[in-house]
């Protein structure tokens, strides 16, 4: 689950709603998303990747090599204008191996900024 920091420059939080893995925009505006997720994968070759989706369409990709049972961070960002009802999703996948651990504390963060 995403536990994002969601705000705009004035601290207003009524521009979005969260349901499951979707962040739905309730007020049109420009959204800036940046995130860092620490993970462990069990593979020694191949890679793990993350994708940002808007309305089900992949729009931003990032990958790192599998971490060979060590912690490593994967980072991604995207910005663009979204209309009311548009939604954002973030997904992680492994080309080989598996993600075996996720940091849910201070080493990972998800930030969404909204501007009218």
PDB file of N, CA and C in Angstrom:
ATOM      1  N   UNK A   1       0.825  -1.192   0.000  1.00  0.00           N
ATOM      2  CA  UNK A   1       0.000   0.000   0.000  1.00  0.00           C
ATOM      3  C   UNK A   1       0.862   1.245   0.000  1.00  0.00           C
ATOM      4  N   UNK A   2       0.402   2.258  -0.696  1.00  0.00           N
ATOM      5  CA  UNK A   2       1.087   3.536  -0.726  1.00  0.00           C
ATOM      6  C   UNK A   2       0.686   4.320   0.518  1.00  0.00           C
ATOM      7  N   UNK A   3       1.659   4.850   1.224  1.00  0.00           N
ATOM      8  CA  UNK A   3       1.395   5.765   2.329  1.00  0.00           C
ATOM      9  C   UNK A   3       2.051   7.090   1.973  1.00  0.00           C
ATOM     10  N   UNK A   4       1.420   7.840   1.067  1.00  0.00           N
ATOM     11  CA  UNK A   4       2.078   9.020   0.506  1.00  0.00           C
ATOM     12  C   UNK A   4       1.950  10.262   1.367  1.00  0.00           C
ATOM     13  N   UNK A   5       2.820  11.203   1.078  1.00  0.00           N
ATOM     14  CA  UNK A   5       2.671  12.564   1.570  1.00  0.00           C
ATOM     15  C   UNK A   5       1.897  13.288   0.478  1.00  0.00           C
ATOM     16  N   UNK A   6       0.704  13.743   0.796  1.00  0.00           N
ATOM     17  CA  UNK A   6      -0.167  14.329  -0.212  1.00  0.00           C
ATOM     18  C   UNK A   6      -0.510  15.749   0.198  1.00  0.00           C
ATOM     19  N   UNK A   7      -0.053  16.737  -0.560  1.00  0.00           N
ATOM     20  CA  UNK A   7      -0.413  18.113  -0.244  1.00  0.00           C
ATOM     21  C   UNK A   7      -0.122  19.021  -1.428  1.00  0.00           C
ATOM     22  N   UNK A   8      -0.599  20.232  -1.326  1.00  0.00           N
ATOM     23  CA  UNK A   8      -0.219  21.239  -2.292  1.00  0.00           C
ATOM     24  C   UNK A   8       0.544  22.314  -1.548  1.00  0.00           C
ATOM     25  N   UNK A   9       0.892  23.364  -2.223  1.00  0.00           N
ATOM     26  CA  UNK A   9       1.738  24.388  -1.604  1.00  0.00           C
ATOM     27  C   UNK A   9       1.070  25.074  -0.432  1.00  0.00           C
ATOM     28  N   UNK A  10      -0.251  24.995  -0.318  1.00  0.00           N
ATOM     29  CA  UNK A  10      -0.960  25.618   0.803  1.00  0.00           C
ATOM     30  C   UNK A  10      -1.383  24.590   1.854  1.00  0.00           C
ATOM     31  N   UNK A  11      -1.028  23.336   1.680  1.00  0.00           N
ATOM     32  CA  UNK A  11      -1.406  22.295   2.624  1.00  0.00           C
ATOM     33  C   UNK A  11      -2.792  21.727   2.391  1.00  0.00           C
ATOM     34  N   UNK A  12      -3.449  22.090   1.287  1.00  0.00           N
ATOM     35  CA  UNK A  12      -4.790  21.611   0.982  1.00  0.00           C
ATOM     36  C   UNK A  12      -4.715  20.145   0.554  1.00  0.00           C
ATOM     37  N   UNK A  13      -5.626  19.328   1.066  1.00  0.00           N
ATOM     38  CA  UNK A  13      -5.600  17.901   0.744  1.00  0.00           C
ATOM     39  C   UNK A  13      -6.901  17.418   0.115  1.00  0.00           C
ATOM     40  N   UNK A  14      -7.750  18.314  -0.368  1.00  0.00           N
ATOM     41  CA  UNK A  14      -9.030  17.889  -0.936  1.00  0.00           C
ATOM     42  C   UNK A  14      -8.979  17.674  -2.455  1.00  0.00           C
ATOM     43  N   UNK A  15      -7.804  17.565  -3.023  1.00  0.00           N
ATOM     44  CA  UNK A  15      -7.653  17.411  -4.474  1.00  0.00           C
ATOM     45  C   UNK A  15      -7.480  15.951  -4.905  1.00  0.00           C
ATOM     46  N   UNK A  16      -7.553  15.006  -3.961  1.00  0.00           N
ATOM     47  CA  UNK A  16      -7.345  13.602  -4.283  1.00  0.00           C
ATOM     48  C   UNK A  16      -8.191  12.717  -3.364  1.00  0.00           C
ATOM     49  N   UNK A  17      -8.327  11.457  -3.769  1.00  0.00           N
ATOM     50  CA  UNK A  17      -8.858  10.414  -2.898  1.00  0.00           C
ATOM     51  C   UNK A  17      -8.041   9.156  -3.170  1.00  0.00           C
ATOM     52  N   UNK A  18      -7.933   8.280  -2.177  1.00  0.00           N
ATOM     53  CA  UNK A  18      -7.184   7.036  -2.331  1.00  0.00           C
ATOM     54  C   UNK A  18      -8.130   5.866  -2.125  1.00  0.00           C
ATOM     55  N   UNK A  19      -8.106   4.935  -3.065  1.00  0.00           N
ATOM     56  CA  UNK A  19      -8.887   3.715  -2.948  1.00  0.00           C
ATOM     57  C   UNK A  19      -8.041   2.576  -3.498  1.00  0.00           C
ATOM     58  N   UNK A  20      -7.683   1.636  -2.626  1.00  0.00           N
ATOM     59  CA  UNK A  20      -6.815   0.541  -3.051  1.00  0.00           C
ATOM     60  C   UNK A  20      -5.481   1.081  -3.510  1.00  0.00           C
ATOM     61  N   UNK A  21      -5.098   0.781  -4.749  1.00  0.00           N
ATOM     62  CA  UNK A  21      -3.805   1.240  -5.272  1.00  0.00           C
ATOM     63  C   UNK A  21      -3.939   2.459  -6.179  1.00  0.00           C
ATOM     64  N   UNK A  22      -5.108   3.110  -6.168  1.00  0.00           N
ATOM     65  CA  UNK A  22      -5.338   4.278  -7.034  1.00  0.00           C
ATOM     66  C   UNK A  22      -5.385   5.568  -6.230  1.00  0.00           C
ATOM     67  N   UNK A  23      -4.703   6.576  -6.749  1.00  0.00           N
ATOM     68  CA  UNK A  23      -4.838   7.946  -6.266  1.00  0.00           C
ATOM     69  C   UNK A  23      -5.655   8.663  -7.338  1.00  0.00           C
ATOM     70  N   UNK A  24      -6.886   9.023  -7.010  1.00  0.00           N
ATOM     71  CA  UNK A  24      -7.789   9.658  -7.973  1.00  0.00           C
ATOM     72  C   UNK A  24      -7.813  11.162  -7.728  1.00  0.00           C
ATOM     73  N   UNK A  25      -7.708  11.914  -8.800  1.00  0.00           N
ATOM     74  CA  UNK A  25      -7.682  13.368  -8.733  1.00  0.00           C
ATOM     75  C   UNK A  25      -9.121  13.890  -8.649  1.00  0.00           C
ATOM     76  N   UNK A  26      -9.410  14.705  -7.639  1.00  0.00           N
ATOM     77  CA  UNK A  26     -10.754  15.253  -7.469  1.00  0.00           C
ATOM     78  C   UNK A  26     -10.837  16.723  -7.885  1.00  0.00           C
ATOM     79  N   UNK A  27      -9.688  17.355  -8.138  1.00  0.00           N
ATOM     80  CA  UNK A  27      -9.636  18.723  -8.655  1.00  0.00           C
ATOM     81  C   UNK A  27      -8.533  18.792  -9.706  1.00  0.00           C
ATOM     82  N   UNK A  28      -8.864  19.236 -10.894  1.00  0.00           N
ATOM     83  CA  UNK A  28      -7.875  19.339 -11.968  1.00  0.00           C
ATOM     84  C   UNK A  28      -6.703  20.212 -11.538  1.00  0.00           C
ATOM     85  N   UNK A  29      -5.500  19.839 -11.997  1.00  0.00           N
ATOM     86  CA  UNK A  29      -4.305  20.609 -11.700  1.00  0.00           C
ATOM     87  C   UNK A  29      -3.057  19.859 -12.109  1.00  0.00           C
ATOM     88  N   UNK A  30      -1.915  20.475 -11.880  1.00  0.00           N
ATOM     89  CA  UNK A  30      -0.636  19.851 -12.177  1.00  0.00           C
ATOM     90  C   UNK A  30      -0.172  19.056 -10.964  1.00  0.00           C
ATOM     91  N   UNK A  31       0.196  17.822 -11.187  1.00  0.00           N
ATOM     92  CA  UNK A  31       0.653  16.939 -10.125  1.00  0.00           C
ATOM     93  C   UNK A  31       2.120  16.614 -10.360  1.00  0.00           C
ATOM     94  N   UNK A  32       2.917  16.721  -9.299  1.00  0.00           N
ATOM     95  CA  UNK A  32       4.311  16.287  -9.324  1.00  0.00           C
ATOM     96  C   UNK A  32       4.433  15.127  -8.358  1.00  0.00           C
ATOM     97  N   UNK A  33       4.917  14.004  -8.852  1.00  0.00           N
ATOM     98  CA  UNK A  33       5.071  12.782  -8.068  1.00  0.00           C
ATOM     99  C   UNK A  33       6.541  12.398  -8.039  1.00  0.00           C
ATOM    100  N   UNK A  34       7.061  12.108  -6.872  1.00  0.00           N
ATOM    101  CA  UNK A  34       8.397  11.550  -6.752  1.00  0.00           C
ATOM    102  C   UNK A  34       8.362  10.492  -5.652  1.00  0.00           C
ATOM    103  N   UNK A  35       9.068   9.391  -5.864  1.00  0.00           N
ATOM    104  CA  UNK A  35       9.075   8.362  -4.837  1.00  0.00           C
ATOM    105  C   UNK A  35      10.383   7.579  -4.836  1.00  0.00           C
ATOM    106  N   UNK A  36      10.676   7.055  -3.655  1.00  0.00           N
ATOM    107  CA  UNK A  36      11.864   6.245  -3.408  1.00  0.00           C
ATOM    108  C   UNK A  36      11.411   5.051  -2.588  1.00  0.00           C
ATOM    109  N   UNK A  37      11.714   3.859  -3.046  1.00  0.00           N
ATOM    110  CA  UNK A  37      11.317   2.654  -2.323  1.00  0.00           C
ATOM    111  C   UNK A  37      12.521   1.745  -2.146  1.00  0.00           C
ATOM    112  N   UNK A  38      12.864   1.435  -0.892  1.00  0.00           N
ATOM    113  CA  UNK A  38      13.927   0.473  -0.619  1.00  0.00           C
ATOM    114  C   UNK A  38      13.342  -0.935  -0.638  1.00  0.00           C
ATOM    115  N   UNK A  39      14.048  -1.825  -1.325  1.00  0.00           N
ATOM    116  CA  UNK A  39      13.598  -3.205  -1.486  1.00  0.00           C
ATOM    117  C   UNK A  39      14.780  -4.158  -1.397  1.00  0.00           C
ATOM    118  N   UNK A  40      14.465  -5.421  -1.207  1.00  0.00           N
ATOM    119  CA  UNK A  40      15.432  -6.514  -1.349  1.00  0.00           C
ATOM    120  C   UNK A  40      14.849  -7.470  -2.375  1.00  0.00           C
ATOM    121  N   UNK A  41      15.678  -7.882  -3.337  1.00  0.00           N
ATOM    122  CA  UNK A  41      15.278  -8.936  -4.274  1.00  0.00           C
ATOM    123  C   UNK A  41      16.232 -10.104  -4.113  1.00  0.00           C
ATOM    124  N   UNK A  42      15.756 -11.287  -4.457  1.00  0.00           N
ATOM    125  CA  UNK A  42      16.589 -12.473  -4.280  1.00  0.00           C
ATOM    126  C   UNK A  42      17.362 -12.861  -5.532  1.00  0.00           C
ATOM    127  N   UNK A  43      17.261 -12.125  -6.575  1.00  0.00           N
ATOM    128  CA  UNK A  43      17.973 -12.452  -7.803  1.00  0.00           C
ATOM    129  C   UNK A  43      19.381 -11.890  -7.835  1.00  0.00           C
ATOM    130  N   UNK A  44      20.259 -12.545  -8.577  1.00  0.00           N
ATOM    131  CA  UNK A  44      21.621 -12.043  -8.771  1.00  0.00           C
ATOM    132  C   UNK A  44      21.810 -11.495 -10.178  1.00  0.00           C
ATOM    133  N   UNK A  45      20.865 -11.771 -11.049  1.00  0.00           N
ATOM    134  CA  UNK A  45      20.900 -11.201 -12.394  1.00  0.00           C
ATOM    135  C   UNK A  45      19.488 -10.730 -12.720  1.00  0.00           C
ATOM    136  N   UNK A  46      19.354 -10.035 -13.804  1.00  0.00           N
ATOM    137  CA  UNK A  46      18.050  -9.491 -14.138  1.00  0.00           C
ATOM    138  C   UNK A  46      17.818  -8.171 -13.433  1.00  0.00           C
ATOM    139  N   UNK A  47      16.565  -7.748 -13.370  1.00  0.00           N
ATOM    140  CA  UNK A  47      16.278  -6.434 -12.816  1.00  0.00           C
ATOM    141  C   UNK A  47      14.869  -6.383 -12.243  1.00  0.00           C
ATOM    142  N   UNK A  48      14.653  -5.355 -11.450  1.00  0.00           N
ATOM    143  CA  UNK A  48      13.343  -5.014 -10.913  1.00  0.00           C
ATOM    144  C   UNK A  48      13.001  -3.624 -11.452  1.00  0.00           C
ATOM    145  N   UNK A  49      11.726  -3.374 -11.729  1.00  0.00           N
ATOM    146  CA  UNK A  49      11.362  -2.075 -12.270  1.00  0.00           C
ATOM    147  C   UNK A  49      10.059  -1.577 -11.663  1.00  0.00           C
ATOM    148  N   UNK A  50       9.883  -0.273 -11.763  1.00  0.00           N
ATOM    149  CA  UNK A  50       8.669   0.383 -11.289  1.00  0.00           C
ATOM    150  C   UNK A  50       8.102   1.209 -12.432  1.00  0.00           C
ATOM    151  N   UNK A  51       6.779   1.276 -12.458  1.00  0.00           N
ATOM    152  CA  UNK A  51       6.081   2.004 -13.518  1.00  0.00           C
ATOM    153  C   UNK A  51       5.021   2.899 -12.891  1.00  0.00           C
ATOM    154  N   UNK A  52       4.940   4.132 -13.373  1.00  0.00           N
ATOM    155  CA  UNK A  52       3.841   5.025 -13.021  1.00  0.00           C
ATOM    156  C   UNK A  52       2.812   4.919 -14.143  1.00  0.00           C
ATOM    157  N   UNK A  53       1.556   4.698 -13.760  1.00  0.00           N
ATOM    158  CA  UNK A  53       0.442   4.649 -14.707  1.00  0.00           C
ATOM    159  C   UNK A  53      -0.486   5.830 -14.453  1.00  0.00           C
ATOM    160  N   UNK A  54      -0.982   6.434 -15.531  1.00  0.00           N
ATOM    161  CA  UNK A  54      -2.045   7.421 -15.448  1.00  0.00           C
ATOM    162  C   UNK A  54      -3.205   6.886 -16.278  1.00  0.00           C
ATOM    163  N   UNK A  55      -4.338   6.710 -15.623  1.00  0.00           N
ATOM    164  CA  UNK A  55      -5.537   6.165 -16.282  1.00  0.00           C
ATOM    165  C   UNK A  55      -5.248   4.836 -16.976  1.00  0.00           C
ATOM    166  N   UNK A  56      -4.380   4.028 -16.372  1.00  0.00           N
ATOM    167  CA  UNK A  56      -4.076   2.701 -16.903  1.00  0.00           C
ATOM    168  C   UNK A  56      -2.993   2.657 -17.970  1.00  0.00           C
ATOM    169  N   UNK A  57      -2.457   3.806 -18.362  1.00  0.00           N
ATOM    170  CA  UNK A  57      -1.406   3.864 -19.377  1.00  0.00           C
ATOM    171  C   UNK A  57      -0.059   4.121 -18.715  1.00  0.00           C
ATOM    172  N   UNK A  58       0.929   3.275 -19.027  1.00  0.00           N
ATOM    173  CA  UNK A  58       2.279   3.443 -18.470  1.00  0.00           C
ATOM    174  C   UNK A  58       2.909   4.711 -19.032  1.00  0.00           C
ATOM    175  N   UNK A  59       3.422   5.562 -18.114  1.00  0.00           N
ATOM    176  CA  UNK A  59       3.981   6.838 -18.573  1.00  0.00           C
ATOM    177  C   UNK A  59       5.384   7.109 -18.067  1.00  0.00           C
ATOM    178  N   UNK A  60       5.852   6.363 -17.051  1.00  0.00           N
ATOM    179  CA  UNK A  60       7.197   6.599 -16.526  1.00  0.00           C
ATOM    180  C   UNK A  60       7.757   5.294 -15.978  1.00  0.00           C
ATOM    181  N   UNK A  61       8.976   4.961 -16.383  1.00  0.00           N
ATOM    182  CA  UNK A  61       9.611   3.699 -16.007  1.00  0.00           C
ATOM    183  C   UNK A  61      10.945   3.959 -15.303  1.00  0.00           C
ATOM    184  N   UNK A  62      11.327   3.049 -14.431  1.00  0.00           N
ATOM    185  CA  UNK A  62      12.657   3.087 -13.824  1.00  0.00           C
ATOM    186  C   UNK A  62      13.033   1.658 -13.445  1.00  0.00           C
ATOM    187  N   UNK A  63      14.316   1.308 -13.610  1.00  0.00           N
ATOM    188  CA  UNK A  63      14.746  -0.036 -13.242  1.00  0.00           C
ATOM    189  C   UNK A  63      16.093  -0.004 -12.551  1.00  0.00           C
ATOM    190  N   UNK A  64      16.335  -1.061 -11.767  1.00  0.00           N
ATOM    191  CA  UNK A  64      17.640  -1.301 -11.147  1.00  0.00           C
ATOM    192  C   UNK A  64      17.935  -2.787 -11.262  1.00  0.00           C
ATOM    193  N   UNK A  65      19.206  -3.139 -11.137  1.00  0.00           N
ATOM    194  CA  UNK A  65      19.590  -4.548 -11.103  1.00  0.00           C
ATOM    195  C   UNK A  65      19.033  -5.205  -9.859  1.00  0.00           C
ATOM    196  N   UNK A  66      18.766  -6.500  -9.919  1.00  0.00           N
ATOM    197  CA  UNK A  66      18.356  -7.222  -8.721  1.00  0.00           C
ATOM    198  C   UNK A  66      19.394  -7.016  -7.632  1.00  0.00           C
ATOM    199  N   UNK A  67      18.959  -7.029  -6.391  1.00  0.00           N
ATOM    200  CA  UNK A  67      19.811  -6.594  -5.284  1.00  0.00           C
ATOM    201  C   UNK A  67      20.586  -7.712  -4.606  1.00  0.00           C
ATOM    202  N   UNK A  68      20.400  -8.963  -5.031  1.00  0.00           N
ATOM    203  CA  UNK A  68      21.177 -10.086  -4.488  1.00  0.00           C
ATOM    204  C   UNK A  68      21.073 -10.158  -2.953  1.00  0.00           C
ATOM    205  N   UNK A  69      19.846 -10.002  -2.443  1.00  0.00           N
ATOM    206  CA  UNK A  69      19.543 -10.108  -1.011  1.00  0.00           C
ATOM    207  C   UNK A  69      20.102  -8.965  -0.172  1.00  0.00           C
ATOM    208  N   UNK A  70      20.397  -7.828  -0.789  1.00  0.00           N
ATOM    209  CA  UNK A  70      20.813  -6.624  -0.070  1.00  0.00           C
ATOM    210  C   UNK A  70      19.781  -5.532  -0.319  1.00  0.00           C
ATOM    211  N   UNK A  71      19.720  -4.564   0.603  1.00  0.00           N
ATOM    212  CA  UNK A  71      18.831  -3.422   0.415  1.00  0.00           C
ATOM    213  C   UNK A  71      19.350  -2.523  -0.701  1.00  0.00           C
ATOM    214  N   UNK A  72      18.437  -2.021  -1.517  1.00  0.00           N
ATOM    215  CA  UNK A  72      18.756  -1.013  -2.521  1.00  0.00           C
ATOM    216  C   UNK A  72      17.496  -0.199  -2.772  1.00  0.00           C
ATOM    217  N   UNK A  73      17.665   0.979  -3.324  1.00  0.00           N
ATOM    218  CA  UNK A  73      16.532   1.862  -3.558  1.00  0.00           C
ATOM    219  C   UNK A  73      16.226   2.011  -5.032  1.00  0.00           C
ATOM    220  N   UNK A  74      14.953   2.068  -5.342  1.00  0.00           N
ATOM    221  CA  UNK A  74      14.513   2.372  -6.698  1.00  0.00           C
ATOM    222  C   UNK A  74      13.720   3.678  -6.625  1.00  0.00           C
ATOM    223  N   UNK A  75      13.964   4.566  -7.573  1.00  0.00           N
ATOM    224  CA  UNK A  75      13.429   5.924  -7.527  1.00  0.00           C
ATOM    225  C   UNK A  75      12.764   6.252  -8.862  1.00  0.00           C
ATOM    226  N   UNK A  76      11.714   7.048  -8.799  1.00  0.00           N
ATOM    227  CA  UNK A  76      11.049   7.460 -10.028  1.00  0.00           C
ATOM    228  C   UNK A  76      10.321   8.778  -9.769  1.00  0.00           C
ATOM    229  N   UNK A  77      10.007   9.477 -10.835  1.00  0.00           N
ATOM    230  CA  UNK A  77       9.236  10.715 -10.709  1.00  0.00           C
ATOM    231  C   UNK A  77       8.477  10.955 -12.006  1.00  0.00           C
ATOM    232  N   UNK A  78       7.454  11.788 -11.889  1.00  0.00           N
ATOM    233  CA  UNK A  78       6.652  12.178 -13.047  1.00  0.00           C
ATOM    234  C   UNK A  78       5.880  13.429 -12.688  1.00  0.00           C
ATOM    235  N   UNK A  79       5.592  14.269 -13.676  1.00  0.00           N
ATOM    236  CA  UNK A  79       4.704  15.405 -13.459  1.00  0.00           C
ATOM    237  C   UNK A  79       3.877  15.639 -14.704  1.00  0.00           C
ATOM    238  N   UNK A  80       2.677  16.177 -14.496  1.00  0.00           N
ATOM    239  CA  UNK A  80       1.804  16.484 -15.612  1.00  0.00           C
ATOM    240  C   UNK A  80       0.475  17.017 -15.146  1.00  0.00           C
ATOM    241  N   UNK A  81      -0.294  17.550 -16.076  1.00  0.00           N
ATOM    242  CA  UNK A  81      -1.613  18.081 -15.771  1.00  0.00           C
ATOM    243  C   UNK A  81      -2.626  16.948 -15.788  1.00  0.00           C
ATOM    244  N   UNK A  82      -3.445  16.857 -14.730  1.00  0.00           N
ATOM    245  CA  UNK A  82      -4.480  15.831 -14.657  1.00  0.00           C
ATOM    246  C   UNK A  82      -5.837  16.478 -14.448  1.00  0.00           C
ATOM    247  N   UNK A  83      -6.840  15.876 -15.056  1.00  0.00           N
ATOM    248  CA  UNK A  83      -8.218  16.344 -14.931  1.00  0.00           C
ATOM    249  C   UNK A  83      -8.933  15.615 -13.800  1.00  0.00           C
ATOM    250  N   UNK A  84     -10.014  16.197 -13.334  1.00  0.00           N
ATOM    251  CA  UNK A  84     -10.848  15.547 -12.329  1.00  0.00           C
ATOM    252  C   UNK A  84     -11.235  14.150 -12.824  1.00  0.00           C
ATOM    253  N   UNK A  85     -11.046  13.153 -11.975  1.00  0.00           N
ATOM    254  CA  UNK A  85     -11.376  11.770 -12.324  1.00  0.00           C
ATOM    255  C   UNK A  85     -10.200  10.969 -12.842  1.00  0.00           C
ATOM    256  N   UNK A  86      -9.117  11.616 -13.261  1.00  0.00           N
ATOM    257  CA  UNK A  86      -7.910  10.883 -13.662  1.00  0.00           C
ATOM    258  C   UNK A  86      -7.327  10.197 -12.433  1.00  0.00           C
ATOM    259  N   UNK A  87      -6.577   9.117 -12.660  1.00  0.00           N
ATOM    260  CA  UNK A  87      -5.980   8.416 -11.529  1.00  0.00           C
ATOM    261  C   UNK A  87      -4.547   7.975 -11.828  1.00  0.00           C
ATOM    262  N   UNK A  88      -3.792   7.845 -10.748  1.00  0.00           N
ATOM    263  CA  UNK A  88      -2.383   7.427 -10.801  1.00  0.00           C
ATOM    264  C   UNK A  88      -2.251   6.103 -10.061  1.00  0.00           C
ATOM    265  N   UNK A  89      -1.439   5.202 -10.611  1.00  0.00           N
ATOM    266  CA  UNK A  89      -1.074   3.953  -9.949  1.00  0.00           C
ATOM    267  C   UNK A  89       0.426   3.764 -10.078  1.00  0.00           C
ATOM    268  N   UNK A  90       1.022   3.091  -9.093  1.00  0.00           N
ATOM    269  CA  UNK A  90       2.442   2.757  -9.115  1.00  0.00           C
ATOM    270  C   UNK A  90       2.551   1.246  -8.984  1.00  0.00           C
ATOM    271  N   UNK A  91       3.375   0.642  -9.841  1.00  0.00           N
ATOM    272  CA  UNK A  91       3.516  -0.808  -9.837  1.00  0.00           C
ATOM    273  C   UNK A  91       4.990  -1.180  -9.814  1.00  0.00           C
ATOM    274  N   UNK A  92       5.297  -2.324  -9.224  1.00  0.00           N
ATOM    275  CA  UNK A  92       6.658  -2.877  -9.183  1.00  0.00           C
ATOM    276  C   UNK A  92       6.626  -4.277  -9.767  1.00  0.00           C
ATOM    277  N   UNK A  93       7.658  -4.606 -10.542  1.00  0.00           N
ATOM    278  CA  UNK A  93       7.744  -5.946 -11.136  1.00  0.00           C
ATOM    279  C   UNK A  93       9.199  -6.384 -11.192  1.00  0.00           C
ATOM    280  N   UNK A  94       9.397  -7.697 -11.199  1.00  0.00           N
ATOM    281  CA  UNK A  94      10.736  -8.273 -11.372  1.00  0.00           C
ATOM    282  C   UNK A  94      10.793  -9.003 -12.696  1.00  0.00           C
ATOM    283  N   UNK A  95      11.855  -8.771 -13.454  1.00  0.00           N
ATOM    284  CA  UNK A  95      12.058  -9.507 -14.694  1.00  0.00           C
ATOM    285  C   UNK A  95      12.532 -10.928 -14.377  1.00  0.00           C
ATOM    286  N   UNK A  96      13.213 -11.089 -13.257  1.00  0.00           N
ATOM    287  CA  UNK A  96      13.588 -12.407 -12.725  1.00  0.00           C
ATOM    288  C   UNK A  96      13.772 -12.229 -11.223  1.00  0.00           C
ATOM    289  N   UNK A  97      13.605 -13.282 -10.467  1.00  0.00           N
ATOM    290  CA  UNK A  97      13.676 -13.170  -9.015  1.00  0.00           C
ATOM    291  C   UNK A  97      12.393 -12.580  -8.455  1.00  0.00           C
ATOM    292  N   UNK A  98      12.419 -12.245  -7.173  1.00  0.00           N
ATOM    293  CA  UNK A  98      11.250 -11.703  -6.487  1.00  0.00           C
ATOM    294  C   UNK A  98      11.661 -10.599  -5.534  1.00  0.00           C
ATOM    295  N   UNK A  99      10.744  -9.697  -5.276  1.00  0.00           N
ATOM    296  CA  UNK A  99      10.951  -8.727  -4.202  1.00  0.00           C
ATOM    297  C   UNK A  99      10.619  -9.447  -2.905  1.00  0.00           C
ATOM    298  N   UNK A 100      11.602  -9.564  -2.018  1.00  0.00           N
ATOM    299  CA  UNK A 100      11.415 -10.333  -0.787  1.00  0.00           C
ATOM    300  C   UNK A 100      11.230  -9.459   0.443  1.00  0.00           C
ATOM    301  N   UNK A 101      11.534  -8.156   0.357  1.00  0.00           N
ATOM    302  CA  UNK A 101      11.329  -7.251   1.480  1.00  0.00           C
ATOM    303  C   UNK A 101      11.116  -5.831   0.961  1.00  0.00           C
ATOM    304  N   UNK A 102      10.276  -5.090   1.694  1.00  0.00           N
ATOM    305  CA  UNK A 102       9.959  -3.693   1.406  1.00  0.00           C
ATOM    306  C   UNK A 102      10.215  -2.895   2.661  1.00  0.00           C
ATOM    307  N   UNK A 103      10.851  -1.744   2.539  1.00  0.00           N
ATOM    308  CA  UNK A 103      10.966  -0.856   3.681  1.00  0.00           C
ATOM    309  C   UNK A 103       9.692  -0.017   3.741  1.00  0.00           C
ATOM    310  N   UNK A 104       9.041  -0.017   4.906  1.00  0.00           N
ATOM    311  CA  UNK A 104       7.822   0.772   5.092  1.00  0.00           C
ATOM    312  C   UNK A 104       8.034   1.874   6.114  1.00  0.00           C
ATOM    313  N   UNK A 105       9.275   2.226   6.356  1.00  0.00           N
ATOM    314  CA  UNK A 105       9.588   3.216   7.378  1.00  0.00           C
ATOM    315  C   UNK A 105      10.286   4.422   6.763  1.00  0.00           C
ATOM    316  N   UNK A 106      11.387   4.845   7.361  1.00  0.00           N
ATOM    317  CA  UNK A 106      12.038   6.101   6.993  1.00  0.00           C
ATOM    318  C   UNK A 106      12.841   6.054   5.696  1.00  0.00           C
ATOM    319  N   UNK A 107      13.166   4.901   5.185  1.00  0.00           N
ATOM    320  CA  UNK A 107      14.016   4.821   4.002  1.00  0.00           C
ATOM    321  C   UNK A 107      13.240   4.934   2.697  1.00  0.00           C
ATOM    322  N   UNK A 108      11.932   4.913   2.763  1.00  0.00           N
ATOM    323  CA  UNK A 108      11.105   4.984   1.558  1.00  0.00           C
ATOM    324  C   UNK A 108      10.095   6.109   1.712  1.00  0.00           C
ATOM    325  N   UNK A 109       9.766   6.758   0.598  1.00  0.00           N
ATOM    326  CA  UNK A 109       8.759   7.818   0.661  1.00  0.00           C
ATOM    327  C   UNK A 109       8.099   8.008  -0.690  1.00  0.00           C
ATOM    328  N   UNK A 110       6.875   8.488  -0.626  1.00  0.00           N
ATOM    329  CA  UNK A 110       6.062   8.794  -1.801  1.00  0.00           C
ATOM    330  C   UNK A 110       5.524  10.202  -1.595  1.00  0.00           C
ATOM    331  N   UNK A 111       5.832  11.114  -2.505  1.00  0.00           N
ATOM    332  CA  UNK A 111       5.380  12.495  -2.375  1.00  0.00           C
ATOM    333  C   UNK A 111       4.617  12.915  -3.623  1.00  0.00           C
ATOM    334  N   UNK A 112       3.423  13.426  -3.407  1.00  0.00           N
ATOM    335  CA  UNK A 112       2.591  13.965  -4.468  1.00  0.00           C
ATOM    336  C   UNK A 112       2.374  15.437  -4.147  1.00  0.00           C
ATOM    337  N   UNK A 113       2.675  16.304  -5.079  1.00  0.00           N
ATOM    338  CA  UNK A 113       2.388  17.728  -4.932  1.00  0.00           C
ATOM    339  C   UNK A 113       1.400  18.143  -6.017  1.00  0.00           C
ATOM    340  N   UNK A 114       0.446  18.980  -5.643  1.00  0.00           N
ATOM    341  CA  UNK A 114      -0.589  19.418  -6.573  1.00  0.00           C
ATOM    342  C   UNK A 114      -0.588  20.943  -6.638  1.00  0.00           C
ATOM    343  N   UNK A 115      -0.708  21.465  -7.856  1.00  0.00           N
ATOM    344  CA  UNK A 115      -0.771  22.908  -8.075  1.00  0.00           C
ATOM    345  C   UNK A 115      -1.969  23.203  -8.977  1.00  0.00           C
ATOM    346  N   UNK A 116      -2.743  24.181  -8.605  1.00  0.00           N
ATOM    347  CA  UNK A 116      -3.936  24.570  -9.354  1.00  0.00           C
ATOM    348  C   UNK A 116      -3.572  25.141 -10.707  1.00  0.00           C
TER     349      UNK A 116
END
